[in-house]
Amino acid sequence: MDPPTLKATPQEMADNLLPMHARDYCADVLIPLNKCRRKSLYAPWGCHDLMHSYEICMYKEYERRREIKKQG
């Protein structure tokens, strides 16, 4: 199973201060989510669409890694 392409460059990840554990295939979704969080002062009712998109991305990545483990 081929991994998805990285849409966020390493420089973009560094510029947006993503921690090392978050610099994965979902970083391109996490960057706008973090910007929205900062803009709304981490209000629990803000950024629902971006949070849902990030959760979907993380779940798909989990499923991809699980398939790789199952094959190998």
C-alpha atoms as a PDB file:
ATOM      1  CA  MET A   1       0.000   0.000   0.000  1.00  0.00           C
ATOM      2  CA  ASP A   2       1.481   3.299  -1.112  1.00  0.00           C
ATOM      3  CA  PRO A   3       1.542   6.130   1.429  1.00  0.00           C
ATOM      4  CA  PRO A   4      -0.303   9.328   0.574  1.00  0.00           C
ATOM      5  CA  THR A   5       1.779  12.292  -0.506  1.00  0.00           C
ATOM      6  CA  LEU A   6       2.855  14.916   1.977  1.00  0.00           C
ATOM      7  CA  LYS A   7       0.977  18.086   1.113  1.00  0.00           C
ATOM      8  CA  ALA A   8       2.679  20.293   3.705  1.00  0.00           C
ATOM      9  CA  THR A   9       6.377  20.857   3.227  1.00  0.00           C
ATOM     10  CA  PRO A  10       8.837  20.398   6.092  1.00  0.00           C
ATOM     11  CA  GLN A  11       9.422  24.162   6.033  1.00  0.00           C
ATOM     12  CA  GLU A  12       5.683  24.875   6.415  1.00  0.00           C
ATOM     13  CA  MET A  13       5.524  22.459   9.333  1.00  0.00           C
ATOM     14  CA  ALA A  14       8.497  24.136  11.009  1.00  0.00           C
ATOM     15  CA  ASP A  15       7.138  27.634  10.352  1.00  0.00           C
ATOM     16  CA  ASN A  16       3.835  26.677  11.994  1.00  0.00           C
ATOM     17  CA  LEU A  17       5.640  25.154  14.993  1.00  0.00           C
ATOM     18  CA  LEU A  18       4.149  21.687  14.621  1.00  0.00           C
ATOM     19  CA  PRO A  19       5.618  19.243  17.123  1.00  0.00           C
ATOM     20  CA  MET A  20       7.605  16.378  15.621  1.00  0.00           C
ATOM     21  CA  HIS A  21       4.905  13.803  16.370  1.00  0.00           C
ATOM     22  CA  ALA A  22       2.371  15.813  14.319  1.00  0.00           C
ATOM     23  CA  ARG A  23       4.514  16.147  11.198  1.00  0.00           C
ATOM     24  CA  ASP A  24       2.765  13.429   9.255  1.00  0.00           C
ATOM     25  CA  TYR A  25       0.340  13.053   6.354  1.00  0.00           C
ATOM     26  CA  CYS A  26      -2.324  15.047   8.230  1.00  0.00           C
ATOM     27  CA  ALA A  27      -0.157  18.111   8.818  1.00  0.00           C
ATOM     28  CA  ASP A  28      -1.816  19.955   5.942  1.00  0.00           C
ATOM     29  CA  VAL A  29      -5.121  19.714   7.847  1.00  0.00           C
ATOM     30  CA  LEU A  30      -3.611  20.424  11.268  1.00  0.00           C
ATOM     31  CA  ILE A  31      -1.989  23.720  10.232  1.00  0.00           C
ATOM     32  CA  PRO A  32      -5.284  25.523   9.436  1.00  0.00           C
ATOM     33  CA  LEU A  33      -6.912  23.867  12.466  1.00  0.00           C
ATOM     34  CA  ASN A  34      -4.259  25.286  14.784  1.00  0.00           C
ATOM     35  CA  LYS A  35      -4.620  28.731  13.174  1.00  0.00           C
ATOM     36  CA  CYS A  36      -8.382  28.580  13.735  1.00  0.00           C
ATOM     37  CA  ARG A  37      -7.865  27.454  17.335  1.00  0.00           C
ATOM     38  CA  ARG A  38      -5.561  30.381  18.055  1.00  0.00           C
ATOM     39  CA  LYS A  39      -7.937  32.813  16.349  1.00  0.00           C
ATOM     40  CA  SER A  40     -10.928  31.595  18.408  1.00  0.00           C
ATOM     41  CA  LEU A  41      -8.827  31.401  21.609  1.00  0.00           C
ATOM     42  CA  TYR A  42      -9.424  27.630  21.753  1.00  0.00           C
ATOM     43  CA  ALA A  43     -13.185  28.081  22.153  1.00  0.00           C
ATOM     44  CA  PRO A  44     -14.781  24.597  22.294  1.00  0.00           C
ATOM     45  CA  TRP A  45     -17.522  25.609  19.861  1.00  0.00           C
ATOM     46  CA  GLY A  46     -15.141  26.890  17.187  1.00  0.00           C
ATOM     47  CA  CYS A  47     -13.414  25.083  14.332  1.00  0.00           C
ATOM     48  CA  HIS A  48     -15.711  22.050  14.244  1.00  0.00           C
ATOM     49  CA  ASP A  49     -15.349  21.439  10.508  1.00  0.00           C
ATOM     50  CA  LEU A  50     -11.559  21.568  10.640  1.00  0.00           C
ATOM     51  CA  MET A  51     -11.444  19.345  13.705  1.00  0.00           C
ATOM     52  CA  HIS A  52     -13.679  16.789  12.017  1.00  0.00           C
ATOM     53  CA  SER A  53     -11.485  16.846   8.904  1.00  0.00           C
ATOM     54  CA  TYR A  54      -8.395  16.284  11.044  1.00  0.00           C
ATOM     55  CA  GLU A  55     -10.017  13.376  12.894  1.00  0.00           C
ATOM     56  CA  ILE A  56     -11.000  11.753   9.593  1.00  0.00           C
ATOM     57  CA  CYS A  57      -7.460  12.157   8.285  1.00  0.00           C
ATOM     58  CA  MET A  58      -5.975  10.630  11.440  1.00  0.00           C
ATOM     59  CA  TYR A  59      -8.398   7.694  11.256  1.00  0.00           C
ATOM     60  CA  LYS A  60      -7.514   7.022   7.607  1.00  0.00           C
ATOM     61  CA  GLU A  61      -3.824   7.110   8.505  1.00  0.00           C
ATOM     62  CA  TYR A  62      -4.457   4.669  11.347  1.00  0.00           C
ATOM     63  CA  GLU A  63      -6.296   2.322   8.983  1.00  0.00           C
ATOM     64  CA  ARG A  64      -3.461   2.548   6.440  1.00  0.00           C
ATOM     65  CA  ARG A  65      -0.857   1.653   9.058  1.00  0.00           C
ATOM     66  CA  ARG A  66      -3.010  -1.179  10.363  1.00  0.00           C
ATOM     67  CA  GLU A  67      -3.239  -2.658   6.850  1.00  0.00           C
ATOM     68  CA  ILE A  68       0.535  -2.424   6.455  1.00  0.00           C
ATOM     69  CA  LYS A  69       1.038  -4.238   9.744  1.00  0.00           C
ATOM     70  CA  LYS A  70      -1.467  -6.901   8.739  1.00  0.00           C
ATOM     71  CA  GLN A  71       0.354  -7.526   5.453  1.00  0.00           C
ATOM     72  CA  GLY A  72       3.831  -7.694   6.922  1.00  0.00           C
END
